[in-house]
PDB file of N, CA and C in Angstrom:
ATOM      1  N   MET A   1      37.449 -49.724   5.278  1.00  0.00           N
ATOM      2  CA  MET A   1      38.371 -50.667   4.552  1.00  0.00           C
ATOM      3  C   MET A   1      37.719 -51.006   3.287  1.00  0.00           C
ATOM      4  N   ASP A   2      38.557 -51.101   2.219  1.00  0.00           N
ATOM      5  CA  ASP A   2      38.132 -51.373   0.879  1.00  0.00           C
ATOM      6  C   ASP A   2      37.406 -52.837   0.848  1.00  0.00           C
ATOM      7  N   TYR A   3      36.267 -53.025   0.217  1.00  0.00           N
ATOM      8  CA  TYR A   3      35.589 -54.317   0.121  1.00  0.00           C
ATOM      9  C   TYR A   3      36.430 -55.257  -0.680  1.00  0.00           C
ATOM     10  N   PHE A   4      37.196 -54.822  -1.590  1.00  0.00           N
ATOM     11  CA  PHE A   4      37.907 -55.777  -2.526  1.00  0.00           C
ATOM     12  C   PHE A   4      39.369 -56.070  -1.983  1.00  0.00           C
ATOM     13  N   GLN A   5      39.708 -55.544  -0.808  1.00  0.00           N
ATOM     14  CA  GLN A   5      41.012 -55.796  -0.146  1.00  0.00           C
ATOM     15  C   GLN A   5      40.987 -57.260   0.302  1.00  0.00           C
ATOM     16  N   SER A   6      42.122 -57.758   0.457  1.00  0.00           N
ATOM     17  CA  SER A   6      42.380 -59.118   0.778  1.00  0.00           C
ATOM     18  C   SER A   6      41.861 -59.454   2.166  1.00  0.00           C
ATOM     19  N   ASN A   7      41.280 -60.735   2.386  1.00  0.00           N
ATOM     20  CA  ASN A   7      40.676 -61.103   3.607  1.00  0.00           C
ATOM     21  C   ASN A   7      41.869 -61.432   4.574  1.00  0.00           C
ATOM     22  N   ILE A   8      43.067 -61.532   4.121  1.00  0.00           N
ATOM     23  CA  ILE A   8      44.176 -61.795   4.942  1.00  0.00           C
ATOM     24  C   ILE A   8      44.505 -60.577   5.775  1.00  0.00           C
ATOM     25  N   ILE A   9      44.477 -59.472   5.242  1.00  0.00           N
ATOM     26  CA  ILE A   9      44.678 -58.279   5.881  1.00  0.00           C
ATOM     27  C   ILE A   9      43.560 -57.955   6.874  1.00  0.00           C
ATOM     28  N   SER A  10      42.398 -58.192   6.522  1.00  0.00           N
ATOM     29  CA  SER A  10      41.288 -57.907   7.376  1.00  0.00           C
ATOM     30  C   SER A  10      41.276 -58.899   8.530  1.00  0.00           C
ATOM     31  N   ASN A  11      41.568 -60.138   8.390  1.00  0.00           N
ATOM     32  CA  ASN A  11      41.766 -61.142   9.451  1.00  0.00           C
ATOM     33  C   ASN A  11      42.864 -60.813  10.432  1.00  0.00           C
ATOM     34  N   PHE A  12      44.020 -60.297   9.883  1.00  0.00           N
ATOM     35  CA  PHE A  12      45.179 -59.950  10.657  1.00  0.00           C
ATOM     36  C   PHE A  12      44.882 -58.803  11.452  1.00  0.00           C
ATOM     37  N   LEU A  13      44.162 -57.661  10.910  1.00  0.00           N
ATOM     38  CA  LEU A  13      43.713 -56.571  11.731  1.00  0.00           C
ATOM     39  C   LEU A  13      42.703 -56.907  12.876  1.00  0.00           C
ATOM     40  N   ALA A  14      41.804 -57.780  12.507  1.00  0.00           N
ATOM     41  CA  ALA A  14      40.829 -58.311  13.414  1.00  0.00           C
ATOM     42  C   ALA A  14      41.431 -58.916  14.703  1.00  0.00           C
ATOM     43  N   LYS A  15      42.405 -59.911  14.242  1.00  0.00           N
ATOM     44  CA  LYS A  15      43.111 -60.570  15.343  1.00  0.00           C
ATOM     45  C   LYS A  15      43.856 -59.586  16.236  1.00  0.00           C
ATOM     46  N   ILE A  16      44.538 -58.607  15.763  1.00  0.00           N
ATOM     47  CA  ILE A  16      45.233 -57.643  16.600  1.00  0.00           C
ATOM     48  C   ILE A  16      44.307 -56.828  17.483  1.00  0.00           C
ATOM     49  N   PHE A  17      43.181 -56.464  16.885  1.00  0.00           N
ATOM     50  CA  PHE A  17      42.178 -55.549  17.699  1.00  0.00           C
ATOM     51  C   PHE A  17      41.596 -56.487  18.736  1.00  0.00           C
ATOM     52  N   PHE A  18      41.192 -57.760  18.379  1.00  0.00           N
ATOM     53  CA  PHE A  18      40.561 -58.512  19.409  1.00  0.00           C
ATOM     54  C   PHE A  18      41.490 -59.012  20.523  1.00  0.00           C
ATOM     55  N   GLU A  19      42.667 -59.399  20.065  1.00  0.00           N
ATOM     56  CA  GLU A  19      43.640 -60.021  21.109  1.00  0.00           C
ATOM     57  C   GLU A  19      44.414 -59.040  21.903  1.00  0.00           C
ATOM     58  N   LYS A  20      44.926 -57.983  21.193  1.00  0.00           N
ATOM     59  CA  LYS A  20      45.943 -57.093  21.744  1.00  0.00           C
ATOM     60  C   LYS A  20      45.073 -55.960  22.481  1.00  0.00           C
ATOM     61  N   TYR A  21      43.993 -55.332  21.837  1.00  0.00           N
ATOM     62  CA  TYR A  21      43.422 -54.274  22.276  1.00  0.00           C
ATOM     63  C   TYR A  21      41.988 -54.616  23.038  1.00  0.00           C
ATOM     64  N   GLU A  22      41.618 -55.945  22.870  1.00  0.00           N
ATOM     65  CA  GLU A  22      40.374 -56.390  23.441  1.00  0.00           C
ATOM     66  C   GLU A  22      39.154 -55.744  23.242  1.00  0.00           C
ATOM     67  N   VAL A  23      39.085 -55.213  21.903  1.00  0.00           N
ATOM     68  CA  VAL A  23      37.808 -54.590  21.458  1.00  0.00           C
ATOM     69  C   VAL A  23      36.590 -55.723  21.359  1.00  0.00           C
ATOM     70  N   SER A  24      35.378 -55.202  21.540  1.00  0.00           N
ATOM     71  CA  SER A  24      34.271 -56.188  21.534  1.00  0.00           C
ATOM     72  C   SER A  24      33.777 -56.367  20.072  1.00  0.00           C
ATOM     73  N   THR A  25      33.783 -55.392  19.271  1.00  0.00           N
ATOM     74  CA  THR A  25      33.243 -55.492  17.844  1.00  0.00           C
ATOM     75  C   THR A  25      34.120 -54.717  16.863  1.00  0.00           C
ATOM     76  N   ILE A  26      34.231 -55.275  15.630  1.00  0.00           N
ATOM     77  CA  ILE A  26      34.867 -54.672  14.619  1.00  0.00           C
ATOM     78  C   ILE A  26      33.877 -54.749  13.372  1.00  0.00           C
ATOM     79  N   TYR A  27      33.744 -53.652  12.721  1.00  0.00           N
ATOM     80  CA  TYR A  27      32.866 -53.591  11.469  1.00  0.00           C
ATOM     81  C   TYR A  27      33.686 -52.966  10.340  1.00  0.00           C
ATOM     82  N   PHE A  28      34.010 -53.762   9.348  1.00  0.00           N
ATOM     83  CA  PHE A  28      34.733 -53.268   8.123  1.00  0.00           C
ATOM     84  C   PHE A  28      33.695 -52.736   7.121  1.00  0.00           C
ATOM     85  N   LEU A  29      33.834 -51.592   6.587  1.00  0.00           N
ATOM     86  CA  LEU A  29      32.954 -50.989   5.731  1.00  0.00           C
ATOM     87  C   LEU A  29      33.634 -50.796   4.376  1.00  0.00           C
ATOM     88  N   PHE A  30      32.744 -50.799   3.385  1.00  0.00           N
ATOM     89  CA  PHE A  30      33.108 -50.531   1.959  1.00  0.00           C
ATOM     90  C   PHE A  30      33.309 -49.054   2.006  1.00  0.00           C
ATOM     91  N   SER A  31      34.545 -48.624   1.644  1.00  0.00           N
ATOM     92  CA  SER A  31      34.989 -47.227   1.878  1.00  0.00           C
ATOM     93  C   SER A  31      34.059 -46.260   1.073  1.00  0.00           C
ATOM     94  N   ASN A  32      33.497 -46.562  -0.011  1.00  0.00           N
ATOM     95  CA  ASN A  32      32.671 -45.680  -0.828  1.00  0.00           C
ATOM     96  C   ASN A  32      31.377 -45.562  -0.250  1.00  0.00           C
ATOM     97  N   SER A  33      30.930 -46.283   0.845  1.00  0.00           N
ATOM     98  CA  SER A  33      29.646 -46.154   1.382  1.00  0.00           C
ATOM     99  C   SER A  33      29.651 -44.999   2.449  1.00  0.00           C
ATOM    100  N   LEU A  34      30.790 -44.553   2.956  1.00  0.00           N
ATOM    101  CA  LEU A  34      30.772 -43.536   4.051  1.00  0.00           C
ATOM    102  C   LEU A  34      30.245 -42.219   3.585  1.00  0.00           C
ATOM    103  N   PRO A  35      30.490 -41.668   2.400  1.00  0.00           N
ATOM    104  CA  PRO A  35      29.854 -40.323   2.069  1.00  0.00           C
ATOM    105  C   PRO A  35      28.280 -40.466   2.087  1.00  0.00           C
ATOM    106  N   LEU A  36      27.785 -41.667   1.612  1.00  0.00           N
ATOM    107  CA  LEU A  36      26.397 -41.892   1.643  1.00  0.00           C
ATOM    108  C   LEU A  36      25.730 -41.878   3.175  1.00  0.00           C
ATOM    109  N   TYR A  37      26.434 -42.541   3.917  1.00  0.00           N
ATOM    110  CA  TYR A  37      26.072 -42.561   5.378  1.00  0.00           C
ATOM    111  C   TYR A  37      25.997 -41.267   6.095  1.00  0.00           C
ATOM    112  N   LEU A  38      27.013 -40.328   5.638  1.00  0.00           N
ATOM    113  CA  LEU A  38      26.984 -38.954   6.186  1.00  0.00           C
ATOM    114  C   LEU A  38      25.840 -38.170   5.967  1.00  0.00           C
ATOM    115  N   THR A  39      25.201 -38.526   4.737  1.00  0.00           N
ATOM    116  CA  THR A  39      23.850 -37.881   4.340  1.00  0.00           C
ATOM    117  C   THR A  39      22.706 -38.350   5.172  1.00  0.00           C
ATOM    118  N   GLY A  40      22.887 -39.548   5.854  1.00  0.00           N
ATOM    119  CA  GLY A  40      21.729 -40.065   6.573  1.00  0.00           C
ATOM    120  C   GLY A  40      20.978 -41.146   5.775  1.00  0.00           C
ATOM    121  N   LEU A  41      21.407 -41.225   4.569  1.00  0.00           N
ATOM    122  CA  LEU A  41      20.768 -42.196   3.530  1.00  0.00           C
ATOM    123  C   LEU A  41      21.416 -43.463   3.590  1.00  0.00           C
ATOM    124  N   TYR A  42      20.645 -44.525   3.110  1.00  0.00           N
ATOM    125  CA  TYR A  42      21.368 -45.901   2.947  1.00  0.00           C
ATOM    126  C   TYR A  42      21.238 -46.401   1.548  1.00  0.00           C
ATOM    127  N   THR A  43      20.408 -45.547   0.677  1.00  0.00           N
ATOM    128  CA  THR A  43      20.301 -46.010  -0.756  1.00  0.00           C
ATOM    129  C   THR A  43      20.745 -44.746  -1.530  1.00  0.00           C
ATOM    130  N   GLY A  44      21.598 -45.099  -2.480  1.00  0.00           N
ATOM    131  CA  GLY A  44      22.019 -44.026  -3.377  1.00  0.00           C
ATOM    132  C   GLY A  44      23.259 -44.406  -4.228  1.00  0.00           C
ATOM    133  N   ILE A  45      23.739 -43.558  -4.951  1.00  0.00           N
ATOM    134  CA  ILE A  45      24.938 -43.817  -5.792  1.00  0.00           C
ATOM    135  C   ILE A  45      26.072 -42.874  -5.365  1.00  0.00           C
ATOM    136  N   VAL A  46      27.294 -43.486  -5.114  1.00  0.00           N
ATOM    137  CA  VAL A  46      28.368 -42.595  -4.602  1.00  0.00           C
ATOM    138  C   VAL A  46      29.337 -42.687  -5.806  1.00  0.00           C
ATOM    139  N   ILE A  47      29.658 -41.472  -6.226  1.00  0.00           N
ATOM    140  CA  ILE A  47      30.744 -41.241  -7.317  1.00  0.00           C
ATOM    141  C   ILE A  47      31.832 -40.542  -6.737  1.00  0.00           C
ATOM    142  N   ASN A  48      33.101 -41.326  -6.831  1.00  0.00           N
ATOM    143  CA  ASN A  48      34.238 -40.831  -6.338  1.00  0.00           C
ATOM    144  C   ASN A  48      35.270 -40.615  -7.490  1.00  0.00           C
ATOM    145  N   VAL A  49      35.589 -39.254  -7.719  1.00  0.00           N
ATOM    146  CA  VAL A  49      36.531 -39.029  -8.773  1.00  0.00           C
ATOM    147  C   VAL A  49      37.866 -38.618  -8.130  1.00  0.00           C
ATOM    148  N   GLY A  50      38.816 -39.531  -8.343  1.00  0.00           N
ATOM    149  CA  GLY A  50      40.177 -39.252  -7.810  1.00  0.00           C
ATOM    150  C   GLY A  50      41.106 -38.590  -8.920  1.00  0.00           C
ATOM    151  N   TYR A  51      42.250 -38.498  -8.708  1.00  0.00           N
ATOM    152  CA  TYR A  51      43.190 -37.832  -9.578  1.00  0.00           C
ATOM    153  C   TYR A  51      43.551 -38.729 -10.763  1.00  0.00           C
ATOM    154  N   TYR A  52      43.648 -40.084 -10.644  1.00  0.00           N
ATOM    155  CA  TYR A  52      43.934 -40.998 -11.635  1.00  0.00           C
ATOM    156  C   TYR A  52      42.683 -41.899 -12.071  1.00  0.00           C
ATOM    157  N   ASP A  53      41.811 -42.126 -11.194  1.00  0.00           N
ATOM    158  CA  ASP A  53      40.645 -42.936 -11.493  1.00  0.00           C
ATOM    159  C   ASP A  53      39.443 -42.497 -10.853  1.00  0.00           C
ATOM    160  N   SER A  54      38.354 -43.243 -11.164  1.00  0.00           N
ATOM    161  CA  SER A  54      37.007 -42.843 -10.573  1.00  0.00           C
ATOM    162  C   SER A  54      36.226 -44.154 -10.417  1.00  0.00           C
ATOM    163  N   THR A  55      35.321 -44.120  -9.388  1.00  0.00           N
ATOM    164  CA  THR A  55      34.455 -45.239  -9.106  1.00  0.00           C
ATOM    165  C   THR A  55      33.107 -44.666  -8.904  1.00  0.00           C
ATOM    166  N   ILE A  56      32.094 -45.608  -9.379  1.00  0.00           N
ATOM    167  CA  ILE A  56      30.668 -45.359  -9.249  1.00  0.00           C
ATOM    168  C   ILE A  56      30.141 -46.598  -8.502  1.00  0.00           C
ATOM    169  N   ALA A  57      29.643 -46.400  -7.346  1.00  0.00           N
ATOM    170  CA  ALA A  57      29.160 -47.513  -6.358  1.00  0.00           C
ATOM    171  C   ALA A  57      27.720 -47.221  -6.069  1.00  0.00           C
ATOM    172  N   PRO A  58      26.837 -48.086  -6.449  1.00  0.00           N
ATOM    173  CA  PRO A  58      25.485 -47.963  -6.061  1.00  0.00           C
ATOM    174  C   PRO A  58      25.141 -48.792  -4.777  1.00  0.00           C
ATOM    175  N   PHE A  59      24.338 -48.255  -3.911  1.00  0.00           N
ATOM    176  CA  PHE A  59      23.954 -48.955  -2.662  1.00  0.00           C
ATOM    177  C   PHE A  59      22.503 -48.988  -2.538  1.00  0.00           C
ATOM    178  N   TYR A  60      21.927 -50.173  -2.114  1.00  0.00           N
ATOM    179  CA  TYR A  60      20.540 -50.290  -1.792  1.00  0.00           C
ATOM    180  C   TYR A  60      20.367 -50.662  -0.374  1.00  0.00           C
ATOM    181  N   GLU A  61      19.752 -49.902   0.471  1.00  0.00           N
ATOM    182  CA  GLU A  61      19.621 -50.198   1.919  1.00  0.00           C
ATOM    183  C   GLU A  61      20.848 -50.492   2.560  1.00  0.00           C
ATOM    184  N   GLY A  62      21.893 -49.846   2.246  1.00  0.00           N
ATOM    185  CA  GLY A  62      23.242 -50.090   2.914  1.00  0.00           C
ATOM    186  C   GLY A  62      24.078 -51.148   2.342  1.00  0.00           C
ATOM    187  N   VAL A  63      23.552 -51.810   1.394  1.00  0.00           N
ATOM    188  CA  VAL A  63      24.252 -52.969   0.780  1.00  0.00           C
ATOM    189  C   VAL A  63      24.930 -52.560  -0.565  1.00  0.00           C
ATOM    190  N   PRO A  64      26.169 -52.750  -0.785  1.00  0.00           N
ATOM    191  CA  PRO A  64      26.734 -52.366  -2.068  1.00  0.00           C
ATOM    192  C   PRO A  64      26.285 -53.260  -3.138  1.00  0.00           C
ATOM    193  N   GLN A  65      25.824 -52.789  -4.252  1.00  0.00           N
ATOM    194  CA  GLN A  65      25.404 -53.606  -5.396  1.00  0.00           C
ATOM    195  C   GLN A  65      26.678 -53.836  -6.272  1.00  0.00           C
ATOM    196  N   LEU A  66      27.359 -54.870  -6.027  1.00  0.00           N
ATOM    197  CA  LEU A  66      28.748 -55.077  -6.659  1.00  0.00           C
ATOM    198  C   LEU A  66      28.608 -55.443  -8.105  1.00  0.00           C
ATOM    199  N   ASN A  67      27.348 -55.927  -8.591  1.00  0.00           N
ATOM    200  CA  ASN A  67      27.172 -56.218  -9.926  1.00  0.00           C
ATOM    201  C   ASN A  67      27.143 -54.919 -10.759  1.00  0.00           C
ATOM    202  N   ALA A  68      26.756 -53.705 -10.208  1.00  0.00           N
ATOM    203  CA  ALA A  68      26.718 -52.501 -10.788  1.00  0.00           C
ATOM    204  C   ALA A  68      27.997 -51.579 -10.435  1.00  0.00           C
ATOM    205  N   PHE A  69      28.850 -52.036  -9.746  1.00  0.00           N
ATOM    206  CA  PHE A  69      30.024 -51.292  -9.251  1.00  0.00           C
ATOM    207  C   PHE A  69      30.893 -51.031 -10.591  1.00  0.00           C
ATOM    208  N   THR A  70      31.342 -49.641 -10.820  1.00  0.00           N
ATOM    209  CA  THR A  70      31.968 -49.419 -12.005  1.00  0.00           C
ATOM    210  C   THR A  70      33.386 -48.774 -11.663  1.00  0.00           C
ATOM    211  N   HIS A  71      34.448 -49.042 -12.251  1.00  0.00           N
ATOM    212  CA  HIS A  71      35.705 -48.361 -12.110  1.00  0.00           C
ATOM    213  C   HIS A  71      36.337 -47.977 -13.502  1.00  0.00           C
ATOM    214  N   CYS A  72      36.727 -46.737 -13.550  1.00  0.00           N
ATOM    215  CA  CYS A  72      37.399 -46.280 -14.809  1.00  0.00           C
ATOM    216  C   CYS A  72      38.569 -45.528 -14.497  1.00  0.00           C
ATOM    217  N   PHE A  73      39.532 -45.478 -15.387  1.00  0.00           N
ATOM    218  CA  PHE A  73      40.902 -44.853 -15.291  1.00  0.00           C
ATOM    219  C   PHE A  73      40.722 -43.361 -15.851  1.00  0.00           C
ATOM    220  N   THR A  74      39.813 -42.746 -15.351  1.00  0.00           N
ATOM    221  CA  THR A  74      39.674 -41.289 -15.733  1.00  0.00           C
ATOM    222  C   THR A  74      39.338 -40.480 -14.549  1.00  0.00           C
ATOM    223  N   GLY A  75      40.151 -39.488 -14.371  1.00  0.00           N
ATOM    224  CA  GLY A  75      40.028 -38.712 -13.129  1.00  0.00           C
ATOM    225  C   GLY A  75      40.451 -37.247 -13.371  1.00  0.00           C
ATOM    226  N   GLY A  76      41.007 -36.570 -12.294  1.00  0.00           N
ATOM    227  CA  GLY A  76      41.463 -35.239 -12.361  1.00  0.00           C
ATOM    228  C   GLY A  76      42.631 -35.117 -13.386  1.00  0.00           C
ATOM    229  N   PHE A  77      43.411 -36.010 -13.475  1.00  0.00           N
ATOM    230  CA  PHE A  77      44.688 -35.961 -14.416  1.00  0.00           C
ATOM    231  C   PHE A  77      44.179 -35.835 -15.852  1.00  0.00           C
ATOM    232  N   ARG A  78      43.134 -36.575 -16.136  1.00  0.00           N
ATOM    233  CA  ARG A  78      42.597 -36.569 -17.556  1.00  0.00           C
ATOM    234  C   ARG A  78      41.934 -35.201 -17.865  1.00  0.00           C
ATOM    235  N   ILE A  79      41.266 -34.692 -16.700  1.00  0.00           N
ATOM    236  CA  ILE A  79      40.570 -33.401 -16.847  1.00  0.00           C
ATOM    237  C   ILE A  79      41.671 -32.354 -17.074  1.00  0.00           C
ATOM    238  N   ASN A  80      42.726 -32.307 -16.314  1.00  0.00           N
ATOM    239  CA  ASN A  80      43.923 -31.427 -16.452  1.00  0.00           C
ATOM    240  C   ASN A  80      44.474 -31.520 -17.862  1.00  0.00           C
ATOM    241  N   LYS A  81      44.673 -32.683 -18.339  1.00  0.00           N
ATOM    242  CA  LYS A  81      45.237 -32.836 -19.674  1.00  0.00           C
ATOM    243  C   LYS A  81      44.428 -32.293 -20.792  1.00  0.00           C
ATOM    244  N   THR A  82      43.113 -32.582 -20.696  1.00  0.00           N
ATOM    245  CA  THR A  82      42.174 -32.078 -21.651  1.00  0.00           C
ATOM    246  C   THR A  82      42.021 -30.546 -21.660  1.00  0.00           C
ATOM    247  N   LEU A  83      42.061 -29.915 -20.468  1.00  0.00           N
ATOM    248  CA  LEU A  83      42.012 -28.464 -20.231  1.00  0.00           C
ATOM    249  C   LEU A  83      43.293 -27.857 -20.909  1.00  0.00           C
ATOM    250  N   HIS A  84      44.278 -28.471 -20.567  1.00  0.00           N
ATOM    251  CA  HIS A  84      45.718 -27.995 -21.123  1.00  0.00           C
ATOM    252  C   HIS A  84      45.689 -28.063 -22.609  1.00  0.00           C
ATOM    253  N   GLU A  85      45.324 -29.141 -23.234  1.00  0.00           N
ATOM    254  CA  GLU A  85      45.230 -29.313 -24.672  1.00  0.00           C
ATOM    255  C   GLU A  85      44.280 -28.285 -25.281  1.00  0.00           C
ATOM    256  N   ASP A  86      43.120 -28.098 -24.775  1.00  0.00           N
ATOM    257  CA  ASP A  86      42.145 -27.117 -25.179  1.00  0.00           C
ATOM    258  C   ASP A  86      42.551 -25.733 -25.213  1.00  0.00           C
ATOM    259  N   LEU A  87      43.155 -25.306 -23.966  1.00  0.00           N
ATOM    260  CA  LEU A  87      43.719 -24.019 -23.847  1.00  0.00           C
ATOM    261  C   LEU A  87      44.888 -23.701 -24.874  1.00  0.00           C
ATOM    262  N   CYS A  88      45.692 -24.664 -25.051  1.00  0.00           N
ATOM    263  CA  CYS A  88      46.817 -24.588 -26.030  1.00  0.00           C
ATOM    264  C   CYS A  88      46.235 -24.471 -27.408  1.00  0.00           C
ATOM    265  N   GLU A  89      45.236 -25.187 -27.701  1.00  0.00           N
ATOM    266  CA  GLU A  89      44.666 -25.127 -29.062  1.00  0.00           C
ATOM    267  C   GLU A  89      43.929 -23.715 -29.191  1.00  0.00           C
ATOM    268  N   LEU A  90      43.247 -23.225 -28.278  1.00  0.00           N
ATOM    269  CA  LEU A  90      42.661 -21.979 -28.373  1.00  0.00           C
ATOM    270  C   LEU A  90      43.704 -20.758 -28.603  1.00  0.00           C
ATOM    271  N   ASN A  91      44.826 -20.959 -27.952  1.00  0.00           N
ATOM    272  CA  ASN A  91      45.890 -19.987 -28.101  1.00  0.00           C
ATOM    273  C   ASN A  91      46.980 -20.325 -29.159  1.00  0.00           C
ATOM    274  N   ALA A  92      46.639 -21.233 -30.182  1.00  0.00           N
ATOM    275  CA  ALA A  92      47.538 -21.678 -31.064  1.00  0.00           C
ATOM    276  C   ALA A  92      48.118 -20.496 -31.957  1.00  0.00           C
ATOM    277  N   GLU A  93      47.244 -19.535 -32.388  1.00  0.00           N
ATOM    278  CA  GLU A  93      47.681 -18.513 -33.282  1.00  0.00           C
ATOM    279  C   GLU A  93      48.352 -17.393 -32.502  1.00  0.00           C
ATOM    280  N   GLU A  94      48.271 -17.340 -31.178  1.00  0.00           N
ATOM    281  CA  GLU A  94      49.064 -16.376 -30.398  1.00  0.00           C
ATOM    282  C   GLU A  94      50.400 -16.873 -30.040  1.00  0.00           C
ATOM    283  N   THR A  95      51.212 -16.009 -29.679  1.00  0.00           N
ATOM    284  CA  THR A  95      52.519 -16.457 -29.220  1.00  0.00           C
ATOM    285  C   THR A  95      52.655 -16.563 -27.896  1.00  0.00           C
ATOM    286  N   VAL A  96      51.814 -17.427 -27.206  1.00  0.00           N
ATOM    287  CA  VAL A  96      51.717 -17.616 -25.743  1.00  0.00           C
ATOM    288  C   VAL A  96      52.565 -18.902 -25.497  1.00  0.00           C
ATOM    289  N   ASN A  97      53.480 -18.813 -24.519  1.00  0.00           N
ATOM    290  CA  ASN A  97      54.333 -19.898 -24.141  1.00  0.00           C
ATOM    291  C   ASN A  97      53.280 -21.058 -23.470  1.00  0.00           C
ATOM    292  N   LYS A  98      53.346 -22.230 -23.941  1.00  0.00           N
ATOM    293  CA  LYS A  98      52.495 -23.189 -23.468  1.00  0.00           C
ATOM    294  C   LYS A  98      52.871 -23.751 -22.059  1.00  0.00           C
ATOM    295  N   ASP A  99      54.048 -23.391 -21.724  1.00  0.00           N
ATOM    296  CA  ASP A  99      54.455 -23.782 -20.305  1.00  0.00           C
ATOM    297  C   ASP A  99      53.836 -22.897 -19.256  1.00  0.00           C
ATOM    298  N   ILE A 100      53.380 -21.697 -19.682  1.00  0.00           N
ATOM    299  CA  ILE A 100      52.633 -20.745 -18.601  1.00  0.00           C
ATOM    300  C   ILE A 100      51.481 -21.458 -17.971  1.00  0.00           C
ATOM    301  N   ILE A 101      50.789 -22.383 -18.751  1.00  0.00           N
ATOM    302  CA  ILE A 101      49.571 -23.050 -18.337  1.00  0.00           C
ATOM    303  C   ILE A 101      50.110 -24.175 -17.305  1.00  0.00           C
ATOM    304  N   SER A 102      50.278 -23.816 -16.145  1.00  0.00           N
ATOM    305  CA  SER A 102      50.977 -24.776 -15.150  1.00  0.00           C
ATOM    306  C   SER A 102      49.861 -25.683 -14.508  1.00  0.00           C
ATOM    307  N   PHE A 103      50.354 -26.656 -13.736  1.00  0.00           N
ATOM    308  CA  PHE A 103      49.437 -27.427 -12.929  1.00  0.00           C
ATOM    309  C   PHE A 103      48.593 -26.510 -12.040  1.00  0.00           C
ATOM    310  N   LYS A 104      49.188 -25.677 -11.467  1.00  0.00           N
ATOM    311  CA  LYS A 104      48.483 -24.814 -10.472  1.00  0.00           C
ATOM    312  C   LYS A 104      47.468 -23.947 -11.180  1.00  0.00           C
ATOM    313  N   VAL A 105      47.701 -23.548 -12.292  1.00  0.00           N
ATOM    314  CA  VAL A 105      46.705 -22.760 -13.076  1.00  0.00           C
ATOM    315  C   VAL A 105      45.459 -23.671 -13.431  1.00  0.00           C
ATOM    316  N   LEU A 106      45.838 -24.910 -13.921  1.00  0.00           N
ATOM    317  CA  LEU A 106      44.709 -25.825 -14.250  1.00  0.00           C
ATOM    318  C   LEU A 106      43.899 -26.259 -13.109  1.00  0.00           C
ATOM    319  N   GLU A 107      44.503 -26.515 -11.994  1.00  0.00           N
ATOM    320  CA  GLU A 107      43.742 -26.810 -10.728  1.00  0.00           C
ATOM    321  C   GLU A 107      42.854 -25.753 -10.357  1.00  0.00           C
ATOM    322  N   ASP A 108      43.435 -24.563 -10.392  1.00  0.00           N
ATOM    323  CA  ASP A 108      42.618 -23.262 -10.022  1.00  0.00           C
ATOM    324  C   ASP A 108      41.357 -23.251 -10.903  1.00  0.00           C
ATOM    325  N   LEU A 109      41.692 -23.404 -12.222  1.00  0.00           N
ATOM    326  CA  LEU A 109      40.556 -23.361 -13.143  1.00  0.00           C
ATOM    327  C   LEU A 109      39.398 -24.470 -12.937  1.00  0.00           C
ATOM    328  N   LYS A 110      39.964 -25.573 -12.686  1.00  0.00           N
ATOM    329  CA  LYS A 110      38.957 -26.662 -12.345  1.00  0.00           C
ATOM    330  C   LYS A 110      38.078 -26.396 -11.145  1.00  0.00           C
ATOM    331  N   PHE A 111      38.715 -25.894 -10.056  1.00  0.00           N
ATOM    332  CA  PHE A 111      37.931 -25.732  -8.788  1.00  0.00           C
ATOM    333  C   PHE A 111      36.973 -24.463  -9.065  1.00  0.00           C
ATOM    334  N   LYS A 112      37.399 -23.418  -9.875  1.00  0.00           N
ATOM    335  CA  LYS A 112      36.440 -22.292  -9.989  1.00  0.00           C
ATOM    336  C   LYS A 112      35.368 -22.626 -10.981  1.00  0.00           C
ATOM    337  N   VAL A 113      35.642 -23.471 -12.013  1.00  0.00           N
ATOM    338  CA  VAL A 113      34.695 -23.668 -13.016  1.00  0.00           C
ATOM    339  C   VAL A 113      33.729 -24.825 -12.662  1.00  0.00           C
ATOM    340  N   CYS A 114      34.334 -25.906 -12.161  1.00  0.00           N
ATOM    341  CA  CYS A 114      33.461 -27.216 -11.987  1.00  0.00           C
ATOM    342  C   CYS A 114      32.562 -26.925 -10.752  1.00  0.00           C
ATOM    343  N   LYS A 115      31.401 -27.544 -10.716  1.00  0.00           N
ATOM    344  CA  LYS A 115      30.440 -27.347  -9.612  1.00  0.00           C
ATOM    345  C   LYS A 115      30.026 -28.661  -9.132  1.00  0.00           C
ATOM    346  N   ILE A 116      29.671 -28.697  -7.836  1.00  0.00           N
ATOM    347  CA  ILE A 116      29.129 -29.883  -7.178  1.00  0.00           C
ATOM    348  C   ILE A 116      27.601 -29.632  -7.173  1.00  0.00           C
ATOM    349  N   LEU A 117      26.837 -30.591  -7.738  1.00  0.00           N
ATOM    350  CA  LEU A 117      25.446 -30.402  -7.796  1.00  0.00           C
ATOM    351  C   LEU A 117      24.760 -31.386  -6.927  1.00  0.00           C
ATOM    352  N   SER A 118      23.643 -30.778  -6.281  1.00  0.00           N
ATOM    353  CA  SER A 118      22.800 -31.735  -5.449  1.00  0.00           C
ATOM    354  C   SER A 118      21.376 -31.385  -5.779  1.00  0.00           C
ATOM    355  N   ARG A 119      20.499 -32.437  -5.653  1.00  0.00           N
ATOM    356  CA  ARG A 119      19.076 -32.278  -5.929  1.00  0.00           C
ATOM    357  C   ARG A 119      18.466 -32.048  -4.519  1.00  0.00           C
ATOM    358  N   LYS A 120      17.653 -30.981  -4.483  1.00  0.00           N
ATOM    359  CA  LYS A 120      16.967 -30.695  -3.094  1.00  0.00           C
ATOM    360  C   LYS A 120      15.557 -30.927  -3.282  1.00  0.00           C
TER     361      LYS A 120
END
């Protein structure tokens, strides 16, 4: 569950789980922490790049450092737009139909060219 989500929703969900399903414990997590926990680490930085926005969330010993949490409205959409503009600019002198560079082609380019890096 997102850390910034309303407490009203969290309390409502907790009430349902405790009263109706009689669960013994509920733990609400900051959703950006899950990729970090999958690595077995509790300290690190999680960068989540979505289609319309991106977030950077640092964690120290499993605790989100909210003073350093960053959110920006740049994501895959912006990458697609920039790629499309650059490709159209490169082909400006040629008589190439700019509609040929479709969303599918841009996505294919992104996934073939962009790399996921990890330090070993």
